[in-house]
């Protein structure tokens, strides 16, 4: 029996949809709303800024860890 079959596909799809619903409810509960359900703009801007900063730092860290020494893994034979 293979790993990819109808039963596992249906279970995965169902799990994904339930997970999305739970995550959506938690996200709505976590962000405070003001004046009739309008989003809290400072909270949204803060979240966007933190996500951007995290992405930049992750990119910078990966680029820094590559280093500038000696190229891309060529053979050592001269």
N, C-alpha and C. Protein backbone atom coordinates (compact mmCIF):
# COMPACT_ATOMS: atom_id res chain seq x y z
N UNK A 1 0.85 -1.18 0.00
CA UNK A 1 0.00 0.00 0.00
C UNK A 1 0.90 1.25 0.00
N UNK A 2 0.58 2.20 -0.85
CA UNK A 2 1.37 3.41 -0.94
C UNK A 2 0.98 4.44 0.10
N UNK A 3 1.84 5.37 0.30
CA UNK A 3 1.57 6.44 1.26
C UNK A 3 0.53 7.41 0.69
N UNK A 4 0.62 7.67 -0.59
CA UNK A 4 -0.32 8.59 -1.22
C UNK A 4 -1.51 7.79 -1.75
N UNK A 5 -2.62 7.87 -1.03
CA UNK A 5 -3.84 7.21 -1.47
C UNK A 5 -5.03 8.09 -1.11
N UNK A 6 -6.20 7.68 -1.51
CA UNK A 6 -7.39 8.52 -1.29
C UNK A 6 -7.67 8.76 0.18
N UNK A 7 -7.51 7.72 0.99
CA UNK A 7 -7.80 7.88 2.41
C UNK A 7 -6.89 8.92 3.05
N UNK A 8 -5.60 8.83 2.79
CA UNK A 8 -4.66 9.79 3.37
C UNK A 8 -4.87 11.19 2.78
N UNK A 9 -5.25 11.25 1.52
CA UNK A 9 -5.52 12.55 0.90
C UNK A 9 -6.72 13.22 1.57
N UNK A 10 -7.77 12.46 1.82
CA UNK A 10 -8.96 13.01 2.47
C UNK A 10 -8.64 13.42 3.90
N UNK A 11 -7.90 12.59 4.63
CA UNK A 11 -7.53 12.94 6.00
C UNK A 11 -6.66 14.19 6.04
N UNK A 12 -5.73 14.31 5.13
CA UNK A 12 -4.88 15.50 5.06
C UNK A 12 -5.68 16.74 4.74
N UNK A 13 -6.61 16.61 3.78
CA UNK A 13 -7.44 17.76 3.41
C UNK A 13 -8.31 18.20 4.58
N UNK A 14 -8.91 17.22 5.27
CA UNK A 14 -9.76 17.51 6.41
C UNK A 14 -8.96 18.16 7.54
N UNK A 15 -7.80 17.62 7.83
CA UNK A 15 -6.94 18.18 8.87
C UNK A 15 -6.53 19.61 8.53
N UNK A 16 -6.19 19.85 7.27
CA UNK A 16 -5.78 21.19 6.83
C UNK A 16 -6.92 22.18 7.02
N UNK A 17 -8.13 21.81 6.61
CA UNK A 17 -9.26 22.73 6.72
C UNK A 17 -9.63 23.01 8.18
N UNK A 18 -9.60 21.99 9.01
CA UNK A 18 -9.90 22.20 10.44
C UNK A 18 -8.81 23.08 11.06
N UNK A 19 -7.56 22.83 10.71
CA UNK A 19 -6.45 23.63 11.23
C UNK A 19 -6.56 25.09 10.82
N UNK A 20 -6.96 25.33 9.57
CA UNK A 20 -7.14 26.72 9.12
C UNK A 20 -8.24 27.40 9.91
N UNK A 21 -9.34 26.68 10.16
CA UNK A 21 -10.46 27.26 10.90
C UNK A 21 -10.05 27.61 12.32
N UNK A 22 -9.31 26.73 12.97
CA UNK A 22 -8.85 26.97 14.34
C UNK A 22 -7.89 28.16 14.37
N UNK A 23 -6.96 28.19 13.42
CA UNK A 23 -5.99 29.29 13.37
C UNK A 23 -6.69 30.62 13.12
N UNK A 24 -7.71 30.62 12.27
CA UNK A 24 -8.45 31.84 11.99
C UNK A 24 -9.15 32.36 13.24
N UNK A 25 -9.75 31.45 14.00
CA UNK A 25 -10.44 31.84 15.23
C UNK A 25 -9.46 32.39 16.26
N UNK A 26 -8.31 31.74 16.39
CA UNK A 26 -7.30 32.21 17.34
C UNK A 26 -6.76 33.57 16.93
N UNK A 27 -6.56 33.78 15.65
CA UNK A 27 -6.04 35.07 15.18
C UNK A 27 -7.05 36.18 15.44
N UNK A 28 -8.32 35.91 15.20
CA UNK A 28 -9.34 36.93 15.46
C UNK A 28 -9.43 37.25 16.95
N UNK A 29 -9.26 36.24 17.79
CA UNK A 29 -9.34 36.46 19.23
C UNK A 29 -8.12 37.21 19.75
N UNK A 30 -6.98 37.07 19.10
CA UNK A 30 -5.74 37.66 19.60
C UNK A 30 -5.62 39.14 19.29
N UNK A 31 -6.20 39.61 18.19
CA UNK A 31 -6.05 41.01 17.78
C UNK A 31 -7.26 41.80 18.27
N UNK A 32 -7.01 42.80 19.11
CA UNK A 32 -8.14 43.59 19.59
C UNK A 32 -8.72 44.47 18.48
N UNK A 33 -10.02 44.62 18.47
CA UNK A 33 -10.70 45.44 17.47
C UNK A 33 -11.25 46.69 18.15
N UNK A 34 -11.39 47.75 17.37
CA UNK A 34 -11.96 48.99 17.89
C UNK A 34 -13.08 49.44 16.97
N UNK A 35 -14.06 50.12 17.49
CA UNK A 35 -15.15 50.74 16.74
C UNK A 35 -15.79 49.81 15.72
N UNK A 36 -16.55 48.89 16.19
CA UNK A 36 -17.37 48.07 15.30
C UNK A 36 -16.61 47.09 14.45
N UNK A 37 -15.54 46.54 14.94
CA UNK A 37 -14.84 45.50 14.21
C UNK A 37 -13.78 45.97 13.25
N UNK A 38 -13.48 47.27 13.23
CA UNK A 38 -12.39 47.74 12.37
C UNK A 38 -11.07 47.24 12.96
N UNK A 39 -10.12 46.87 12.13
CA UNK A 39 -8.85 46.38 12.65
C UNK A 39 -8.07 47.46 13.37
N UNK A 40 -7.32 47.05 14.34
CA UNK A 40 -6.47 47.95 15.10
C UNK A 40 -5.22 48.23 14.26
N UNK A 41 -5.19 49.37 13.62
CA UNK A 41 -4.12 49.68 12.66
C UNK A 41 -2.72 49.62 13.26
N UNK A 42 -2.49 50.17 14.44
CA UNK A 42 -1.13 50.06 14.99
C UNK A 42 -0.70 48.61 15.21
N UNK A 43 -1.61 47.74 15.61
CA UNK A 43 -1.26 46.33 15.81
C UNK A 43 -0.93 45.67 14.47
N UNK A 44 -1.69 46.01 13.44
CA UNK A 44 -1.44 45.44 12.11
C UNK A 44 -0.10 45.93 11.59
N UNK A 45 0.19 47.19 11.76
CA UNK A 45 1.46 47.75 11.30
C UNK A 45 2.63 47.14 12.07
N UNK A 46 2.47 46.95 13.37
CA UNK A 46 3.52 46.34 14.18
C UNK A 46 3.79 44.92 13.71
N UNK A 47 2.75 44.15 13.46
CA UNK A 47 2.92 42.77 13.00
C UNK A 47 3.61 42.74 11.65
N UNK A 48 3.22 43.63 10.74
CA UNK A 48 3.85 43.67 9.42
C UNK A 48 5.32 44.07 9.54
N UNK A 49 5.60 45.03 10.40
CA UNK A 49 6.98 45.47 10.59
C UNK A 49 7.85 44.37 11.18
N UNK A 50 7.31 43.65 12.17
CA UNK A 50 8.08 42.55 12.77
C UNK A 50 8.32 41.42 11.76
N UNK A 51 7.32 41.12 10.94
CA UNK A 51 7.49 40.09 9.92
C UNK A 51 8.56 40.50 8.90
N UNK A 52 8.55 41.77 8.51
CA UNK A 52 9.55 42.27 7.57
C UNK A 52 10.95 42.21 8.17
N UNK A 53 11.06 42.65 9.43
CA UNK A 53 12.35 42.63 10.11
C UNK A 53 12.87 41.20 10.25
N UNK A 54 11.99 40.27 10.59
CA UNK A 54 12.39 38.88 10.70
C UNK A 54 12.87 38.32 9.38
N UNK A 55 12.19 38.66 8.29
CA UNK A 55 12.62 38.20 6.98
C UNK A 55 13.98 38.76 6.58
N UNK A 56 14.18 40.03 6.86
CA UNK A 56 15.47 40.66 6.53
C UNK A 56 16.59 40.02 7.34
N UNK A 57 16.36 39.83 8.64
CA UNK A 57 17.40 39.23 9.48
C UNK A 57 17.70 37.79 9.06
N UNK A 58 16.67 37.03 8.69
CA UNK A 58 16.88 35.66 8.24
C UNK A 58 17.70 35.64 6.95
N UNK A 59 17.36 36.53 6.02
CA UNK A 59 18.09 36.62 4.75
C UNK A 59 19.54 37.02 5.00
N UNK A 60 19.74 38.02 5.87
CA UNK A 60 21.08 38.53 6.16
C UNK A 60 21.92 37.44 6.82
N UNK A 61 21.32 36.68 7.74
CA UNK A 61 22.03 35.62 8.44
C UNK A 61 22.45 34.51 7.47
N UNK A 62 21.55 34.12 6.56
CA UNK A 62 21.90 33.08 5.59
C UNK A 62 23.00 33.56 4.66
N UNK A 63 22.92 34.81 4.25
CA UNK A 63 23.93 35.35 3.35
C UNK A 63 25.28 35.44 4.06
N UNK A 64 25.25 35.81 5.35
CA UNK A 64 26.47 35.95 6.13
C UNK A 64 27.13 34.59 6.37
N UNK A 65 26.30 33.54 6.59
CA UNK A 65 26.86 32.22 6.90
C UNK A 65 27.49 31.57 5.68
N UNK A 66 27.16 32.00 4.48
CA UNK A 66 27.79 31.47 3.28
C UNK A 66 29.28 31.81 3.25
N UNK A 67 29.59 32.99 3.72
CA UNK A 67 30.98 33.42 3.77
C UNK A 67 31.52 33.82 2.41
N UNK A 68 32.67 34.42 2.40
CA UNK A 68 33.26 34.87 1.16
C UNK A 68 34.53 34.13 0.81
N UNK A 69 34.73 32.96 1.40
CA UNK A 69 36.00 32.28 1.21
C UNK A 69 35.92 31.24 0.10
N UNK A 70 36.72 31.40 -0.91
CA UNK A 70 37.05 30.38 -1.85
C UNK A 70 36.00 29.80 -2.77
N UNK A 71 34.92 30.42 -3.03
CA UNK A 71 34.03 29.93 -4.07
C UNK A 71 33.12 28.80 -3.64
N UNK A 72 32.59 28.12 -4.66
CA UNK A 72 31.48 27.22 -4.42
C UNK A 72 31.79 25.74 -4.44
N UNK A 73 32.70 25.25 -3.68
CA UNK A 73 32.87 23.83 -3.51
C UNK A 73 33.46 23.08 -4.69
N UNK A 74 34.36 23.70 -5.39
CA UNK A 74 35.01 23.01 -6.52
C UNK A 74 35.97 21.96 -6.03
N UNK A 75 36.44 21.14 -6.96
CA UNK A 75 37.38 20.08 -6.60
C UNK A 75 38.72 20.63 -6.16
N UNK A 76 39.45 19.86 -5.37
CA UNK A 76 40.73 20.32 -4.84
C UNK A 76 41.92 19.93 -5.70
N UNK A 77 41.69 19.21 -6.79
CA UNK A 77 42.80 18.75 -7.63
C UNK A 77 43.37 19.93 -8.43
N UNK A 78 44.70 20.02 -8.44
CA UNK A 78 45.34 21.13 -9.14
C UNK A 78 45.90 20.71 -10.44
